PDB file of all heavy atoms in Angstrom:
ATOM      1  N   LEU A   1      -4.045   7.298  -3.781  1.00  0.00           N
ATOM      2  CA  LEU A   1      -3.498   6.055  -4.305  1.00  0.00           C
ATOM      3  C   LEU A   1      -3.170   5.095  -3.172  1.00  0.00           C
ATOM      4  O   LEU A   1      -2.559   5.476  -2.169  1.00  0.00           O
ATOM      5  CB  LEU A   1      -2.250   6.327  -5.130  1.00  0.00           C
ATOM      6  CG  LEU A   1      -2.505   6.933  -6.506  1.00  0.00           C
ATOM      7  CD1 LEU A   1      -1.234   7.554  -7.059  1.00  0.00           C
ATOM      8  CD2 LEU A   1      -3.039   5.861  -7.457  1.00  0.00           C
ATOM      9  N   ALA A   2      -3.580   3.865  -3.346  1.00  0.00           N
ATOM     10  CA  ALA A   2      -3.406   2.877  -2.295  1.00  0.00           C
ATOM     11  C   ALA A   2      -3.390   1.478  -2.883  1.00  0.00           C
ATOM     12  O   ALA A   2      -3.818   1.250  -4.015  1.00  0.00           O
ATOM     13  CB  ALA A   2      -4.528   2.984  -1.261  1.00  0.00           C
ATOM     14  N   TRP A   3      -2.905   0.560  -2.092  1.00  0.00           N
ATOM     15  CA  TRP A   3      -2.963  -0.860  -2.392  1.00  0.00           C
ATOM     16  C   TRP A   3      -3.850  -1.558  -1.375  1.00  0.00           C
ATOM     17  O   TRP A   3      -3.747  -1.287  -0.169  1.00  0.00           O
ATOM     18  CB  TRP A   3      -1.581  -1.512  -2.373  1.00  0.00           C
ATOM     19  CG  TRP A   3      -0.702  -1.136  -3.523  1.00  0.00           C
ATOM     20  CD1 TRP A   3       0.202  -0.126  -3.574  1.00  0.00           C
ATOM     21  CD2 TRP A   3      -0.644  -1.800  -4.793  1.00  0.00           C
ATOM     22  NE1 TRP A   3       0.830  -0.107  -4.797  1.00  0.00           N
ATOM     23  CE2 TRP A   3       0.328  -1.119  -5.570  1.00  0.00           C
ATOM     24  CE3 TRP A   3      -1.309  -2.893  -5.354  1.00  0.00           C
ATOM     25  CZ2 TRP A   3       0.647  -1.503  -6.872  1.00  0.00           C
ATOM     26  CZ3 TRP A   3      -0.996  -3.266  -6.647  1.00  0.00           C
ATOM     27  CH2 TRP A   3      -0.033  -2.571  -7.387  1.00  0.00           C
ATOM     28  N   TYR A   4      -4.695  -2.428  -1.876  1.00  0.00           N
ATOM     29  CA  TYR A   4      -5.504  -3.328  -1.067  1.00  0.00           C
ATOM     30  C   TYR A   4      -5.181  -4.756  -1.466  1.00  0.00           C
ATOM     31  O   TYR A   4      -4.592  -5.006  -2.516  1.00  0.00           O
ATOM     32  CB  TYR A   4      -6.993  -3.077  -1.283  1.00  0.00           C
ATOM     33  CG  TYR A   4      -7.553  -1.831  -0.634  1.00  0.00           C
ATOM     34  CD1 TYR A   4      -7.284  -0.568  -1.147  1.00  0.00           C
ATOM     35  CD2 TYR A   4      -8.376  -1.926   0.487  1.00  0.00           C
ATOM     36  CE1 TYR A   4      -7.803   0.569  -0.562  1.00  0.00           C
ATOM     37  CE2 TYR A   4      -8.906  -0.790   1.075  1.00  0.00           C
ATOM     38  CZ  TYR A   4      -8.620   0.453   0.546  1.00  0.00           C
ATOM     39  OH  TYR A   4      -9.152   1.581   1.133  1.00  0.00           O
ATOM     40  N   ARG A   5      -5.588  -5.681  -0.634  1.00  0.00           N
ATOM     41  CA  ARG A   5      -5.453  -7.077  -0.990  1.00  0.00           C
ATOM     42  C   ARG A   5      -6.637  -7.863  -0.448  1.00  0.00           C
ATOM     43  O   ARG A   5      -7.300  -7.447   0.499  1.00  0.00           O
ATOM     44  CB  ARG A   5      -4.144  -7.676  -0.466  1.00  0.00           C
ATOM     45  CG  ARG A   5      -4.071  -7.804   1.050  1.00  0.00           C
ATOM     46  CD  ARG A   5      -2.689  -8.260   1.472  1.00  0.00           C
ATOM     47  NE  ARG A   5      -2.587  -8.397   2.915  1.00  0.00           N
ATOM     48  CZ  ARG A   5      -1.459  -8.599   3.566  1.00  0.00           C
ATOM     49  NH1 ARG A   5      -0.306  -8.693   2.896  1.00  0.00           N
ATOM     50  NH2 ARG A   5      -1.456  -8.719   4.896  1.00  0.00           N
ATOM     51  N   GLN A   6      -6.866  -9.001  -1.069  1.00  0.00           N
ATOM     52  CA  GLN A   6      -7.930  -9.883  -0.628  1.00  0.00           C
ATOM     53  C   GLN A   6      -7.461 -11.320  -0.751  1.00  0.00           C
ATOM     54  O   GLN A   6      -7.158 -11.791  -1.843  1.00  0.00           O
ATOM     55  CB  GLN A   6      -9.206  -9.661  -1.438  1.00  0.00           C
ATOM     56  CG  GLN A   6     -10.394 -10.428  -0.902  1.00  0.00           C
ATOM     57  CD  GLN A   6     -11.699  -9.968  -1.509  1.00  0.00           C
ATOM     58  OE1 GLN A   6     -11.724  -9.393  -2.600  1.00  0.00           O
ATOM     59  NE2 GLN A   6     -12.787 -10.205  -0.811  1.00  0.00           N
ATOM     60  N   ALA A   7      -7.401 -11.991   0.380  1.00  0.00           N
ATOM     61  CA  ALA A   7      -7.040 -13.398   0.410  1.00  0.00           C
ATOM     62  C   ALA A   7      -8.291 -14.240   0.226  1.00  0.00           C
ATOM     63  O   ALA A   7      -9.404 -13.788   0.512  1.00  0.00           O
ATOM     64  CB  ALA A   7      -6.359 -13.739   1.729  1.00  0.00           C
ATOM     65  N   PRO A   8      -8.134 -15.470  -0.241  1.00  0.00           N
ATOM     66  CA  PRO A   8      -9.295 -16.340  -0.417  1.00  0.00           C
ATOM     67  C   PRO A   8     -10.087 -16.496   0.876  1.00  0.00           C
ATOM     68  O   PRO A   8      -9.526 -16.795   1.927  1.00  0.00           O
ATOM     69  CB  PRO A   8      -8.680 -17.673  -0.845  1.00  0.00           C
ATOM     70  CG  PRO A   8      -7.385 -17.298  -1.473  1.00  0.00           C
ATOM     71  CD  PRO A   8      -6.893 -16.115  -0.684  1.00  0.00           C
ATOM     72  N   GLY A   9     -11.385 -16.273   0.781  1.00  0.00           N
ATOM     73  CA  GLY A   9     -12.250 -16.407   1.934  1.00  0.00           C
ATOM     74  C   GLY A   9     -12.146 -15.292   2.950  1.00  0.00           C
ATOM     75  O   GLY A   9     -12.765 -15.382   4.015  1.00  0.00           O
ATOM     76  N   LYS A  10     -11.387 -14.250   2.641  1.00  0.00           N
ATOM     77  CA  LYS A  10     -11.182 -13.148   3.571  1.00  0.00           C
ATOM     78  C   LYS A  10     -11.747 -11.853   3.007  1.00  0.00           C
ATOM     79  O   LYS A  10     -11.978 -11.725   1.810  1.00  0.00           O
ATOM     80  CB  LYS A  10      -9.696 -12.969   3.873  1.00  0.00           C
ATOM     81  CG  LYS A  10      -9.004 -14.189   4.452  1.00  0.00           C
ATOM     82  CD  LYS A  10      -9.511 -14.509   5.840  1.00  0.00           C
ATOM     83  CE  LYS A  10      -8.729 -15.658   6.446  1.00  0.00           C
ATOM     84  NZ  LYS A  10      -9.230 -15.993   7.800  1.00  0.00           N
ATOM     85  N   GLU A  11     -11.950 -10.899   3.894  1.00  0.00           N
ATOM     86  CA  GLU A  11     -12.382  -9.574   3.468  1.00  0.00           C
ATOM     87  C   GLU A  11     -11.220  -8.830   2.826  1.00  0.00           C
ATOM     88  O   GLU A  11     -10.051  -9.051   3.150  1.00  0.00           O
ATOM     89  CB  GLU A  11     -12.906  -8.778   4.665  1.00  0.00           C
ATOM     90  CG  GLU A  11     -14.127  -9.374   5.345  1.00  0.00           C
ATOM     91  CD  GLU A  11     -15.366  -9.286   4.485  1.00  0.00           C
ATOM     92  OE1 GLU A  11     -15.488  -8.327   3.693  1.00  0.00           O
ATOM     93  OE2 GLU A  11     -16.223 -10.173   4.593  1.00  0.00           O
ATOM     94  N   ARG A  12     -11.555  -7.955   1.917  1.00  0.00           N
ATOM     95  CA  ARG A  12     -10.556  -7.079   1.334  1.00  0.00           C
ATOM     96  C   ARG A  12      -9.993  -6.161   2.410  1.00  0.00           C
ATOM     97  O   ARG A  12     -10.741  -5.622   3.230  1.00  0.00           O
ATOM     98  CB  ARG A  12     -11.177  -6.256   0.205  1.00  0.00           C
ATOM     99  CG  ARG A  12     -10.201  -5.360  -0.539  1.00  0.00           C
ATOM    100  CD  ARG A  12     -10.919  -4.594  -1.623  1.00  0.00           C
ATOM    101  NE  ARG A  12     -11.951  -3.726  -1.064  1.00  0.00           N
ATOM    102  CZ  ARG A  12     -12.891  -3.125  -1.782  1.00  0.00           C
ATOM    103  NH1 ARG A  12     -12.933  -3.287  -3.101  1.00  0.00           N
ATOM    104  NH2 ARG A  12     -13.785  -2.340  -1.182  1.00  0.00           N
ATOM    105  N   GLU A  13      -8.697  -5.985   2.424  1.00  0.00           N
ATOM    106  CA  GLU A  13      -8.069  -5.159   3.436  1.00  0.00           C
ATOM    107  C   GLU A  13      -7.128  -4.141   2.814  1.00  0.00           C
ATOM    108  O   GLU A  13      -6.469  -4.407   1.806  1.00  0.00           O
ATOM    109  CB  GLU A  13      -7.317  -6.008   4.462  1.00  0.00           C
ATOM    110  CG  GLU A  13      -6.161  -6.813   3.892  1.00  0.00           C
ATOM    111  CD  GLU A  13      -5.394  -7.573   4.960  1.00  0.00           C
ATOM    112  OE1 GLU A  13      -5.565  -7.285   6.159  1.00  0.00           O
ATOM    113  OE2 GLU A  13      -4.610  -8.465   4.584  1.00  0.00           O
ATOM    114  N   TRP A  14      -7.070  -3.004   3.437  1.00  0.00           N
ATOM    115  CA  TRP A  14      -6.142  -1.966   3.033  1.00  0.00           C
ATOM    116  C   TRP A  14      -4.731  -2.353   3.423  1.00  0.00           C
ATOM    117  O   TRP A  14      -4.487  -2.851   4.522  1.00  0.00           O
ATOM    118  CB  TRP A  14      -6.541  -0.646   3.702  1.00  0.00           C
ATOM    119  CG  TRP A  14      -5.592   0.484   3.486  1.00  0.00           C
ATOM    120  CD1 TRP A  14      -5.479   1.276   2.384  1.00  0.00           C
ATOM    121  CD2 TRP A  14      -4.621   0.965   4.422  1.00  0.00           C
ATOM    122  NE1 TRP A  14      -4.503   2.222   2.569  1.00  0.00           N
ATOM    123  CE2 TRP A  14      -3.960   2.053   3.813  1.00  0.00           C
ATOM    124  CE3 TRP A  14      -4.253   0.588   5.707  1.00  0.00           C
ATOM    125  CZ2 TRP A  14      -2.950   2.767   4.451  1.00  0.00           C
ATOM    126  CZ3 TRP A  14      -3.250   1.293   6.356  1.00  0.00           C
ATOM    127  CH2 TRP A  14      -2.613   2.359   5.728  1.00  0.00           C
ATOM    128  N   VAL A  15      -3.791  -2.112   2.527  1.00  0.00           N
ATOM    129  CA  VAL A  15      -2.398  -2.477   2.758  1.00  0.00           C
ATOM    130  C   VAL A  15      -1.526  -1.248   2.960  1.00  0.00           C
ATOM    131  O   VAL A  15      -0.763  -1.167   3.921  1.00  0.00           O
ATOM    132  CB  VAL A  15      -1.849  -3.327   1.596  1.00  0.00           C
ATOM    133  CG1 VAL A  15      -0.360  -3.605   1.780  1.00  0.00           C
ATOM    134  CG2 VAL A  15      -2.631  -4.631   1.481  1.00  0.00           C
ATOM    135  N   ALA A  16      -1.617  -0.298   2.038  1.00  0.00           N
ATOM    136  CA  ALA A  16      -0.745   0.867   2.089  1.00  0.00           C
ATOM    137  C   ALA A  16      -1.317   1.985   1.242  1.00  0.00           C
ATOM    138  O   ALA A  16      -2.058   1.747   0.286  1.00  0.00           O
ATOM    139  CB  ALA A  16       0.666   0.517   1.600  1.00  0.00           C
ATOM    140  N   GLY A  17      -0.960   3.208   1.580  1.00  0.00           N
ATOM    141  CA  GLY A  17      -1.335   4.370   0.800  1.00  0.00           C
ATOM    142  C   GLY A  17      -0.157   5.305   0.661  1.00  0.00           C
ATOM    143  O   GLY A  17       0.728   5.337   1.522  1.00  0.00           O
ATOM    144  N   VAL A  18      -0.139   6.070  -0.420  1.00  0.00           N
ATOM    145  CA  VAL A  18       0.967   6.979  -0.699  1.00  0.00           C
ATOM    146  C   VAL A  18       0.425   8.347  -1.081  1.00  0.00           C
ATOM    147  O   VAL A  18      -0.588   8.456  -1.781  1.00  0.00           O
ATOM    148  CB  VAL A  18       1.895   6.410  -1.792  1.00  0.00           C
ATOM    149  CG1 VAL A  18       1.172   6.278  -3.127  1.00  0.00           C
ATOM    150  CG2 VAL A  18       3.154   7.256  -1.927  1.00  0.00           C
ATOM    151  N   GLY A  19       1.099   9.390  -0.618  1.00  0.00           N
ATOM    152  CA  GLY A  19       0.732  10.751  -0.927  1.00  0.00           C
ATOM    153  C   GLY A  19       1.581  11.335  -2.038  1.00  0.00           C
ATOM    154  O   GLY A  19       2.435  10.669  -2.620  1.00  0.00           O
ATOM    155  N   LEU A  20       1.342  12.602  -2.321  1.00  0.00           N
ATOM    156  CA  LEU A  20       1.982  13.250  -3.457  1.00  0.00           C
ATOM    157  C   LEU A  20       3.488  13.372  -3.315  1.00  0.00           C
ATOM    158  O   LEU A  20       4.199  13.404  -4.306  1.00  0.00           O
ATOM    159  CB  LEU A  20       1.371  14.630  -3.694  1.00  0.00           C
ATOM    160  CG  LEU A  20      -0.073  14.642  -4.189  1.00  0.00           C
ATOM    161  CD1 LEU A  20      -0.588  16.070  -4.269  1.00  0.00           C
ATOM    162  CD2 LEU A  20      -0.184  13.954  -5.541  1.00  0.00           C
ATOM    163  N   ARG A  21       3.968  13.465  -2.099  1.00  0.00           N
ATOM    164  CA  ARG A  21       5.408  13.558  -1.860  1.00  0.00           C
ATOM    165  C   ARG A  21       5.987  12.247  -1.334  1.00  0.00           C
ATOM    166  O   ARG A  21       6.977  12.238  -0.616  1.00  0.00           O
ATOM    167  CB  ARG A  21       5.716  14.699  -0.905  1.00  0.00           C
ATOM    168  CG  ARG A  21       5.455  16.073  -1.504  1.00  0.00           C
ATOM    169  CD  ARG A  21       5.980  17.177  -0.616  1.00  0.00           C
ATOM    170  NE  ARG A  21       5.847  18.486  -1.234  1.00  0.00           N
ATOM    171  CZ  ARG A  21       6.300  19.612  -0.714  1.00  0.00           C
ATOM    172  NH1 ARG A  21       6.931  19.594   0.459  1.00  0.00           N
ATOM    173  NH2 ARG A  21       6.123  20.757  -1.356  1.00  0.00           N
ATOM    174  N   ASN A  22       5.364  11.164  -1.714  1.00  0.00           N
ATOM    175  CA  ASN A  22       5.780   9.831  -1.305  1.00  0.00           C
ATOM    176  C   ASN A  22       5.663   9.600   0.197  1.00  0.00           C
ATOM    177  O   ASN A  22       6.333   8.715   0.743  1.00  0.00           O
ATOM    178  CB  ASN A  22       7.189   9.509  -1.786  1.00  0.00           C
ATOM    179  CG  ASN A  22       7.196   8.730  -3.084  1.00  0.00           C
ATOM    180  OD1 ASN A  22       6.490   7.736  -3.217  1.00  0.00           O
ATOM    181  ND2 ASN A  22       8.002   9.173  -4.035  1.00  0.00           N
ATOM    182  N   SER A  23       4.833  10.387   0.858  1.00  0.00           N
ATOM    183  CA  SER A  23       4.472  10.026   2.217  1.00  0.00           C
ATOM    184  C   SER A  23       3.682   8.734   2.166  1.00  0.00           C
ATOM    185  O   SER A  23       2.938   8.483   1.209  1.00  0.00           O
ATOM    186  CB  SER A  23       3.652  11.132   2.871  1.00  0.00           C
ATOM    187  OG  SER A  23       2.461  11.374   2.148  1.00  0.00           O
ATOM    188  N   ALA A  24       3.840   7.913   3.173  1.00  0.00           N
ATOM    189  CA  ALA A  24       3.259   6.584   3.108  1.00  0.00           C
ATOM    190  C   ALA A  24       2.715   6.142   4.453  1.00  0.00           C
ATOM    191  O   ALA A  24       3.243   6.498   5.501  1.00  0.00           O
ATOM    192  CB  ALA A  24       4.297   5.576   2.619  1.00  0.00           C
ATOM    193  N   ASP A  25       1.661   5.367   4.395  1.00  0.00           N
ATOM    194  CA  ASP A  25       1.086   4.718   5.563  1.00  0.00           C
ATOM    195  C   ASP A  25       0.887   3.253   5.250  1.00  0.00           C
ATOM    196  O   ASP A  25       0.614   2.880   4.115  1.00  0.00           O
ATOM    197  CB  ASP A  25      -0.249   5.354   5.950  1.00  0.00           C
ATOM    198  CG  ASP A  25      -0.097   6.757   6.484  1.00  0.00           C
ATOM    199  OD1 ASP A  25       0.678   6.942   7.434  1.00  0.00           O
ATOM    200  OD2 ASP A  25      -0.762   7.662   5.945  1.00  0.00           O
ATOM    201  N   TYR A  26       0.989   2.420   6.285  1.00  0.00           N
ATOM    202  CA  TYR A  26       0.928   0.986   6.099  1.00  0.00           C
ATOM    203  C   TYR A  26       0.051   0.324   7.135  1.00  0.00           C
ATOM    204  O   TYR A  26      -0.053   0.792   8.273  1.00  0.00           O
ATOM    205  CB  TYR A  26       2.329   0.370   6.197  1.00  0.00           C
ATOM    206  CG  TYR A  26       3.301   0.911   5.196  1.00  0.00           C
ATOM    207  CD1 TYR A  26       4.134   1.974   5.514  1.00  0.00           C
ATOM    208  CD2 TYR A  26       3.380   0.362   3.921  1.00  0.00           C
ATOM    209  CE1 TYR A  26       5.026   2.481   4.586  1.00  0.00           C
ATOM    210  CE2 TYR A  26       4.271   0.862   2.985  1.00  0.00           C
ATOM    211  CZ  TYR A  26       5.089   1.923   3.324  1.00  0.00           C
ATOM    212  OH  TYR A  26       5.969   2.423   2.400  1.00  0.00           O
ATOM    213  N   ALA A  27      -0.560  -0.766   6.721  1.00  0.00           N
ATOM    214  CA  ALA A  27      -1.214  -1.619   7.685  1.00  0.00           C
ATOM    215  C   ALA A  27      -0.168  -2.216   8.617  1.00  0.00           C
ATOM    216  O   ALA A  27       0.967  -2.471   8.215  1.00  0.00           O
ATOM    217  CB  ALA A  27      -1.976  -2.741   6.975  1.00  0.00           C
ATOM    218  N   ASP A  28      -0.559  -2.429   9.865  1.00  0.00           N
ATOM    219  CA  ASP A  28       0.392  -2.970  10.833  1.00  0.00           C
ATOM    220  C   ASP A  28       0.984  -4.303  10.378  1.00  0.00           C
ATOM    221  O   ASP A  28       2.140  -4.603  10.673  1.00  0.00           O
ATOM    222  CB  ASP A  28      -0.285  -3.151  12.191  1.00  0.00           C
ATOM    223  CG  ASP A  28      -0.546  -1.840  12.894  1.00  0.00           C
ATOM    224  OD1 ASP A  28       0.082  -0.821  12.524  1.00  0.00           O
ATOM    225  OD2 ASP A  28      -1.367  -1.826  13.825  1.00  0.00           O
ATOM    226  N   SER A  29       0.213  -5.077   9.665  1.00  0.00           N
ATOM    227  CA  SER A  29       0.648  -6.399   9.258  1.00  0.00           C
ATOM    228  C   SER A  29       1.797  -6.383   8.254  1.00  0.00           C
ATOM    229  O   SER A  29       2.501  -7.385   8.104  1.00  0.00           O
ATOM    230  CB  SER A  29      -0.523  -7.192   8.676  1.00  0.00           C
ATOM    231  OG  SER A  29      -1.077  -6.528   7.555  1.00  0.00           O
ATOM    232  N   VAL A  30       1.989  -5.253   7.563  1.00  0.00           N
ATOM    233  CA  VAL A  30       3.037  -5.181   6.555  1.00  0.00           C
ATOM    234  C   VAL A  30       4.093  -4.142   6.880  1.00  0.00           C
ATOM    235  O   VAL A  30       5.098  -4.026   6.158  1.00  0.00           O
ATOM    236  CB  VAL A  30       2.467  -4.907   5.149  1.00  0.00           C
ATOM    237  CG1 VAL A  30       1.402  -5.933   4.801  1.00  0.00           C
ATOM    238  CG2 VAL A  30       1.910  -3.492   5.042  1.00  0.00           C
ATOM    239  N   LYS A  31       3.910  -3.405   7.935  1.00  0.00           N
ATOM    240  CA  LYS A  31       4.837  -2.337   8.298  1.00  0.00           C
ATOM    241  C   LYS A  31       6.235  -2.895   8.521  1.00  0.00           C
ATOM    242  O   LYS A  31       6.418  -3.898   9.206  1.00  0.00           O
ATOM    243  CB  LYS A  31       4.332  -1.620   9.543  1.00  0.00           C
ATOM    244  CG  LYS A  31       4.978  -0.277   9.816  1.00  0.00           C
ATOM    245  CD  LYS A  31       4.242   0.458  10.938  1.00  0.00           C
ATOM    246  CE  LYS A  31       2.806   0.771  10.545  1.00  0.00           C
ATOM    247  NZ  LYS A  31       2.080   1.525  11.613  1.00  0.00           N
ATOM    248  N   GLY A  32       7.214  -2.234   7.920  1.00  0.00           N
ATOM    249  CA  GLY A  32       8.586  -2.681   8.017  1.00  0.00           C
ATOM    250  C   GLY A  32       8.993  -3.667   6.951  1.00  0.00           C
ATOM    251  O   GLY A  32      10.189  -3.939   6.788  1.00  0.00           O
ATOM    252  N   ARG A  33       8.024  -4.214   6.224  1.00  0.00           N
ATOM    253  CA  ARG A  33       8.316  -5.181   5.176  1.00  0.00           C
ATOM    254  C   ARG A  33       7.951  -4.680   3.786  1.00  0.00           C
ATOM    255  O   ARG A  33       8.601  -5.044   2.811  1.00  0.00           O
ATOM    256  CB  ARG A  33       7.578  -6.491   5.436  1.00  0.00           C
ATOM    257  CG  ARG A  33       7.942  -7.149   6.756  1.00  0.00           C
ATOM    258  CD  ARG A  33       7.302  -8.527   6.890  1.00  0.00           C
ATOM    259  NE  ARG A  33       5.841  -8.449   6.891  1.00  0.00           N
ATOM    260  CZ  ARG A  33       5.058  -8.974   5.950  1.00  0.00           C
ATOM    261  NH1 ARG A  33       5.589  -9.631   4.924  1.00  0.00           N
ATOM    262  NH2 ARG A  33       3.735  -8.858   6.043  1.00  0.00           N
ATOM    263  N   PHE A  34       6.903  -3.876   3.697  1.00  0.00           N
ATOM    264  CA  PHE A  34       6.428  -3.367   2.415  1.00  0.00           C
ATOM    265  C   PHE A  34       6.768  -1.892   2.293  1.00  0.00           C
ATOM    266  O   PHE A  34       6.858  -1.172   3.293  1.00  0.00           O
ATOM    267  CB  PHE A  34       4.916  -3.522   2.289  1.00  0.00           C
ATOM    268  CG  PHE A  34       4.422  -4.927   2.105  1.00  0.00           C
ATOM    269  CD1 PHE A  34       5.235  -6.028   2.324  1.00  0.00           C
ATOM    270  CD2 PHE A  34       3.114  -5.137   1.703  1.00  0.00           C
ATOM    271  CE1 PHE A  34       4.768  -7.315   2.159  1.00  0.00           C
ATOM    272  CE2 PHE A  34       2.626  -6.422   1.529  1.00  0.00           C
ATOM    273  CZ  PHE A  34       3.453  -7.510   1.756  1.00  0.00           C
ATOM    274  N   ALA A  35       6.923  -1.438   1.059  1.00  0.00           N
ATOM    275  CA  ALA A  35       7.148  -0.026   0.789  1.00  0.00           C
ATOM    276  C   ALA A  35       6.331   0.401  -0.422  1.00  0.00           C
ATOM    277  O   ALA A  35       6.465  -0.179  -1.502  1.00  0.00           O
ATOM    278  CB  ALA A  35       8.624   0.253   0.557  1.00  0.00           C
ATOM    279  N   ILE A  36       5.475   1.383  -0.229  1.00  0.00           N
ATOM    280  CA  ILE A  36       4.713   1.946  -1.325  1.00  0.00           C
ATOM    281  C   ILE A  36       5.409   3.215  -1.801  1.00  0.00           C
ATOM    282  O   ILE A  36       5.955   3.972  -0.999  1.00  0.00           O
ATOM    283  CB  ILE A  36       3.255   2.229  -0.906  1.00  0.00           C
ATOM    284  CG1 ILE A  36       2.407   2.651  -2.108  1.00  0.00           C
ATOM    285  CG2 ILE A  36       3.192   3.254   0.212  1.00  0.00           C
ATOM    286  CD1 ILE A  36       0.912   2.731  -1.798  1.00  0.00           C
ATOM    287  N   SER A  37       5.413   3.433  -3.093  1.00  0.00           N
ATOM    288  CA  SER A  37       6.031   4.625  -3.647  1.00  0.00           C
ATOM    289  C   SER A  37       5.371   4.970  -4.967  1.00  0.00           C
ATOM    290  O   SER A  37       4.614   4.177  -5.529  1.00  0.00           O
ATOM    291  CB  SER A  37       7.543   4.435  -3.826  1.00  0.00           C
ATOM    292  OG  SER A  37       7.813   3.394  -4.752  1.00  0.00           O
ATOM    293  N   ARG A  38       5.669   6.147  -5.449  1.00  0.00           N
ATOM    294  CA  ARG A  38       5.138   6.573  -6.737  1.00  0.00           C
ATOM    295  C   ARG A  38       6.182   7.380  -7.475  1.00  0.00           C
ATOM    296  O   ARG A  38       7.035   8.034  -6.871  1.00  0.00           O
ATOM    297  CB  ARG A  38       3.856   7.394  -6.559  1.00  0.00           C
ATOM    298  CG  ARG A  38       4.064   8.685  -5.770  1.00  0.00           C
ATOM    299  CD  ARG A  38       2.754   9.372  -5.442  1.00  0.00           C
ATOM    300  NE  ARG A  38       2.044   9.828  -6.628  1.00  0.00           N
ATOM    301  CZ  ARG A  38       0.807  10.318  -6.618  1.00  0.00           C
ATOM    302  NH1 ARG A  38       0.142  10.404  -5.463  1.00  0.00           N
ATOM    303  NH2 ARG A  38       0.230  10.709  -7.743  1.00  0.00           N
ATOM    304  N   ASP A  39       6.130   7.325  -8.785  1.00  0.00           N
ATOM    305  CA  ASP A  39       6.917   8.218  -9.605  1.00  0.00           C
ATOM    306  C   ASP A  39       5.972   8.920 -10.568  1.00  0.00           C
ATOM    307  O   ASP A  39       4.774   9.005 -10.310  1.00  0.00           O
ATOM    308  CB  ASP A  39       8.073   7.485 -10.303  1.00  0.00           C
ATOM    309  CG  ASP A  39       7.626   6.353 -11.208  1.00  0.00           C
ATOM    310  OD1 ASP A  39       6.455   6.341 -11.658  1.00  0.00           O
ATOM    311  OD2 ASP A  39       8.455   5.459 -11.480  1.00  0.00           O
ATOM    312  N   ASN A  40       6.483   9.442 -11.659  1.00  0.00           N
ATOM    313  CA  ASN A  40       5.639  10.199 -12.573  1.00  0.00           C
ATOM    314  C   ASN A  40       4.654   9.339 -13.344  1.00  0.00           C
ATOM    315  O   ASN A  40       3.690   9.857 -13.907  1.00  0.00           O
ATOM    316  CB  ASN A  40       6.496  10.981 -13.558  1.00  0.00           C
ATOM    317  CG  ASN A  40       7.246  12.114 -12.901  1.00  0.00           C
ATOM    318  OD1 ASN A  40       6.823  12.643 -11.877  1.00  0.00           O
ATOM    319  ND2 ASN A  40       8.359  12.503 -13.490  1.00  0.00           N
ATOM    320  N   ALA A  41       4.900   8.041 -13.371  1.00  0.00           N
ATOM    321  CA  ALA A  41       4.106   7.174 -14.223  1.00  0.00           C
ATOM    322  C   ALA A  41       3.294   6.130 -13.477  1.00  0.00           C
ATOM    323  O   ALA A  41       2.214   5.754 -13.940  1.00  0.00           O
ATOM    324  CB  ALA A  41       5.007   6.472 -15.243  1.00  0.00           C
ATOM    325  N   ARG A  42       3.782   5.671 -12.352  1.00  0.00           N
ATOM    326  CA  ARG A  42       3.203   4.511 -11.706  1.00  0.00           C
ATOM    327  C   ARG A  42       3.276   4.601 -10.196  1.00  0.00           C
ATOM    328  O   ARG A  42       4.020   5.404  -9.634  1.00  0.00           O
ATOM    329  CB  ARG A  42       3.924   3.238 -12.172  1.00  0.00           C
ATOM    330  CG  ARG A  42       3.433   2.695 -13.496  1.00  0.00           C
ATOM    331  CD  ARG A  42       4.343   1.587 -14.000  1.00  0.00           C
ATOM    332  NE  ARG A  42       5.536   2.139 -14.626  1.00  0.00           N
ATOM    333  CZ  ARG A  42       5.624   2.482 -15.901  1.00  0.00           C
ATOM    334  NH1 ARG A  42       4.589   2.307 -16.717  1.00  0.00           N
ATOM    335  NH2 ARG A  42       6.747   2.980 -16.379  1.00  0.00           N
ATOM    336  N   VAL A  43       2.498   3.758  -9.557  1.00  0.00           N
ATOM    337  CA  VAL A  43       2.602   3.537  -8.132  1.00  0.00           C
ATOM    338  C   VAL A  43       3.073   2.102  -7.924  1.00  0.00           C
ATOM    339  O   VAL A  43       2.670   1.191  -8.658  1.00  0.00           O
ATOM    340  CB  VAL A  43       1.266   3.830  -7.403  1.00  0.00           C
ATOM    341  CG1 VAL A  43       0.140   2.963  -7.937  1.00  0.00           C
ATOM    342  CG2 VAL A  43       1.423   3.657  -5.898  1.00  0.00           C
ATOM    343  N   TYR A  44       3.924   1.908  -6.929  1.00  0.00           N
ATOM    344  CA  TYR A  44       4.565   0.621  -6.707  1.00  0.00           C
ATOM    345  C   TYR A  44       4.293   0.112  -5.302  1.00  0.00           C
ATOM    346  O   TYR A  44       4.006   0.871  -4.386  1.00  0.00           O
ATOM    347  CB  TYR A  44       6.078   0.740  -6.888  1.00  0.00           C
ATOM    348  CG  TYR A  44       6.505   1.317  -8.207  1.00  0.00           C
ATOM    349  CD1 TYR A  44       6.723   2.686  -8.347  1.00  0.00           C
ATOM    350  CD2 TYR A  44       6.692   0.506  -9.319  1.00  0.00           C
ATOM    351  CE1 TYR A  44       7.125   3.219  -9.559  1.00  0.00           C
ATOM    352  CE2 TYR A  44       7.088   1.037 -10.529  1.00  0.00           C
ATOM    353  CZ  TYR A  44       7.304   2.392 -10.648  1.00  0.00           C
ATOM    354  OH  TYR A  44       7.697   2.921 -11.853  1.00  0.00           O
ATOM    355  N   LEU A  45       4.425  -1.181  -5.165  1.00  0.00           N
ATOM    356  CA  LEU A  45       4.441  -1.796  -3.850  1.00  0.00           C
ATOM    357  C   LEU A  45       5.581  -2.799  -3.816  1.00  0.00           C
ATOM    358  O   LEU A  45       5.505  -3.850  -4.444  1.00  0.00           O
ATOM    359  CB  LEU A  45       3.114  -2.484  -3.532  1.00  0.00           C
ATOM    360  CG  LEU A  45       3.000  -3.039  -2.118  1.00  0.00           C
ATOM    361  CD1 LEU A  45       2.954  -1.904  -1.099  1.00  0.00           C
ATOM    362  CD2 LEU A  45       1.768  -3.924  -1.972  1.00  0.00           C
TER     363      LEU A  45
END
């Protein structure tokens, strides 16, 4: 599970990914500002 984004005129880029125990990785551009998480029903950013 992961979040990507695409700005107008830009390539799609990876933003964040989350593992089964809410381990998370982030793109440098959003690190410290974004938080990815998951519960039993959904994944959040």
